[in-house]
């Protein structure tokens, strides 16, 4: 009887831990702010992936650095900068593309939910050998 009670207690503790463990994967959707406060990005579903578009800019401007000359006069507000992010197999991490309006280039990108209110974004070159990133904060 004692073995059964111990096993039942362990099973119950395991189930409780599994139901209370944080799962950030579904929480990446929402509004995020860059650390410098200059812009806000909305992450949402796009097909089977996650995408993010600029929803607010402190200083609205045009997409002047875009390599496509026909897009240089468009406002940056509404431009999708996080593109086709798909799960990597690592909990809370996605891989896709990131458009950097500051230099007009699109990079291989990663987003990783590091907590319920922090999202790390990285843009990489050379097959992911060199990456640069920043951590965004959830807008409440």
Protein backbone atom coordinates (compact mmCIF):
# COMPACT_ATOMS: atom_id res chain seq x y z
CA UNK A 1 0.00 0.00 0.00
CA UNK A 2 2.85 2.36 0.82
CA UNK A 3 4.43 1.78 -2.63
CA UNK A 4 1.11 2.57 -4.31
CA UNK A 5 0.67 5.82 -2.35
CA UNK A 6 4.22 6.92 -3.13
CA UNK A 7 3.74 6.15 -6.82
CA UNK A 8 0.40 7.98 -6.85
CA UNK A 9 1.98 10.99 -5.14
CA UNK A 10 4.84 11.06 -7.67
CA UNK A 11 2.39 10.78 -10.56
CA UNK A 12 0.24 13.58 -9.14
CA UNK A 13 3.31 15.80 -8.63
CA UNK A 14 4.43 15.11 -12.20
CA UNK A 15 1.02 15.97 -13.60
CA UNK A 16 0.89 19.16 -11.53
CA UNK A 17 4.36 20.20 -12.74
CA UNK A 18 3.41 19.47 -16.35
CA UNK A 19 0.29 21.60 -16.13
CA UNK A 20 1.99 24.52 -14.40
CA UNK A 21 5.23 24.57 -16.41
CA UNK A 22 5.36 27.68 -18.59
CA UNK A 23 4.81 27.13 -22.28
CA UNK A 24 5.68 30.26 -24.18
CA UNK A 25 5.12 28.96 -27.72
CA UNK A 26 1.53 30.19 -27.97
CA UNK A 27 2.36 33.44 -26.18
CA UNK A 28 4.69 34.88 -28.85
CA UNK A 29 1.67 36.43 -30.54
CA UNK A 30 0.97 39.94 -29.42
CA UNK A 31 2.42 43.43 -29.48
CA UNK A 32 6.12 43.98 -28.78
CA UNK A 33 8.28 47.08 -28.33
CA UNK A 34 11.93 47.46 -29.31
CA UNK A 35 14.32 48.37 -26.45
CA UNK A 36 14.84 51.91 -27.79
CA UNK A 37 11.07 52.49 -27.79
CA UNK A 38 11.13 53.68 -31.41
CA UNK A 39 8.72 51.08 -32.77
CA UNK A 40 6.14 48.43 -31.91
CA UNK A 41 5.63 45.18 -33.79
CA UNK A 42 2.58 42.92 -33.80
CA UNK A 43 3.37 39.20 -34.02
CA UNK A 44 0.50 37.11 -35.39
CA UNK A 45 -0.18 33.90 -37.28
CA UNK A 46 0.38 33.84 -41.02
CA UNK A 47 -0.47 30.42 -42.36
CA UNK A 48 1.52 27.87 -40.36
CA UNK A 49 4.09 30.46 -39.31
CA UNK A 50 4.46 33.65 -37.28
CA UNK A 51 4.88 37.06 -38.88
CA UNK A 52 5.31 40.55 -37.48
CA UNK A 53 4.46 43.96 -38.86
CA UNK A 54 5.24 47.46 -37.69
CA UNK A 55 2.15 48.89 -35.97
CA UNK A 56 3.64 52.04 -34.43
CA UNK A 57 6.64 54.27 -35.11
CA UNK A 58 7.77 57.14 -32.91
CA UNK A 59 9.03 58.90 -36.04
CA UNK A 60 7.03 57.64 -39.04
CA UNK A 61 9.09 57.46 -42.21
CA UNK A 62 9.30 55.82 -45.61
CA UNK A 63 11.06 52.56 -46.54
CA UNK A 64 13.90 54.54 -48.16
CA UNK A 65 16.56 51.80 -47.86
CA UNK A 66 14.52 49.10 -49.60
CA UNK A 67 16.50 47.46 -52.44
CA UNK A 68 13.31 47.52 -54.54
CA UNK A 69 13.14 51.12 -55.77
CA UNK A 70 9.35 50.87 -56.22
CA UNK A 71 8.94 50.33 -52.44
CA UNK A 72 11.14 53.21 -51.23
CA UNK A 73 8.25 55.67 -51.10
CA UNK A 74 5.93 53.39 -49.07
CA UNK A 75 5.40 54.15 -45.38
CA UNK A 76 7.14 51.73 -43.02
CA UNK A 77 4.03 51.52 -40.88
CA UNK A 78 2.36 48.22 -41.74
CA UNK A 79 5.46 46.65 -43.33
CA UNK A 80 6.06 43.02 -42.37
CA UNK A 81 9.54 42.86 -40.83
CA UNK A 82 9.29 39.39 -39.22
CA UNK A 83 8.56 36.91 -41.98
CA UNK A 84 7.57 33.23 -42.12
CA UNK A 85 8.87 32.21 -38.70
CA UNK A 86 8.43 28.46 -38.25
CA UNK A 87 9.14 26.38 -35.14
CA UNK A 88 12.72 25.09 -34.93
CA UNK A 89 11.98 22.20 -32.60
CA UNK A 90 13.43 24.11 -29.66
CA UNK A 91 10.66 25.18 -27.27
CA UNK A 92 9.64 28.79 -27.88
CA UNK A 93 11.97 29.35 -30.86
CA UNK A 94 11.18 30.05 -34.52
CA UNK A 95 13.31 30.56 -37.63
CA UNK A 96 12.47 32.62 -40.70
CA UNK A 97 13.43 35.97 -42.17
CA UNK A 98 13.83 39.44 -40.70
CA UNK A 99 13.66 42.63 -42.77
CA UNK A 100 15.83 45.42 -41.38
CA UNK A 101 14.42 48.72 -42.65
CA UNK A 102 17.51 50.56 -41.41
CA UNK A 103 19.72 48.95 -44.08
CA UNK A 104 17.07 47.53 -46.43
CA UNK A 105 18.37 43.97 -46.09
CA UNK A 106 16.57 40.75 -45.24
CA UNK A 107 18.39 38.34 -42.95
CA UNK A 108 17.92 34.80 -41.71
CA UNK A 109 16.18 35.38 -38.43
CA UNK A 110 15.29 33.75 -35.17
CA UNK A 111 12.81 34.71 -32.51
CA UNK A 112 12.84 33.11 -29.09
CA UNK A 113 10.43 33.72 -26.28
CA UNK A 114 12.71 34.00 -23.24
CA UNK A 115 9.88 34.71 -20.81
CA UNK A 116 6.19 35.58 -20.98
CA UNK A 117 7.09 39.23 -21.63
CA UNK A 118 10.48 39.08 -23.41
CA UNK A 119 11.14 38.05 -27.00
CA UNK A 120 14.66 37.88 -28.40
CA UNK A 121 15.01 38.60 -32.12
CA UNK A 122 18.21 37.87 -34.03
CA UNK A 123 19.22 38.53 -37.62
CA UNK A 124 22.05 36.37 -38.93
CA UNK A 125 24.49 36.20 -41.85
CA UNK A 126 26.87 33.51 -43.09
CA UNK A 127 24.44 30.68 -42.37
CA UNK A 128 23.87 31.78 -38.79
CA UNK A 129 27.56 32.11 -37.97
CA UNK A 130 27.25 35.81 -37.13
CA UNK A 131 24.07 37.03 -35.45
CA UNK A 132 23.00 40.33 -33.97
CA UNK A 133 19.87 40.78 -31.94
CA UNK A 134 17.84 42.58 -29.37
CA UNK A 135 15.23 41.70 -26.81
CA UNK A 136 11.74 43.12 -27.23
CA UNK A 137 9.28 43.70 -24.39
CA UNK A 138 5.61 42.81 -24.53
CA UNK A 139 3.35 45.85 -24.73
CA UNK A 140 0.71 45.69 -22.01
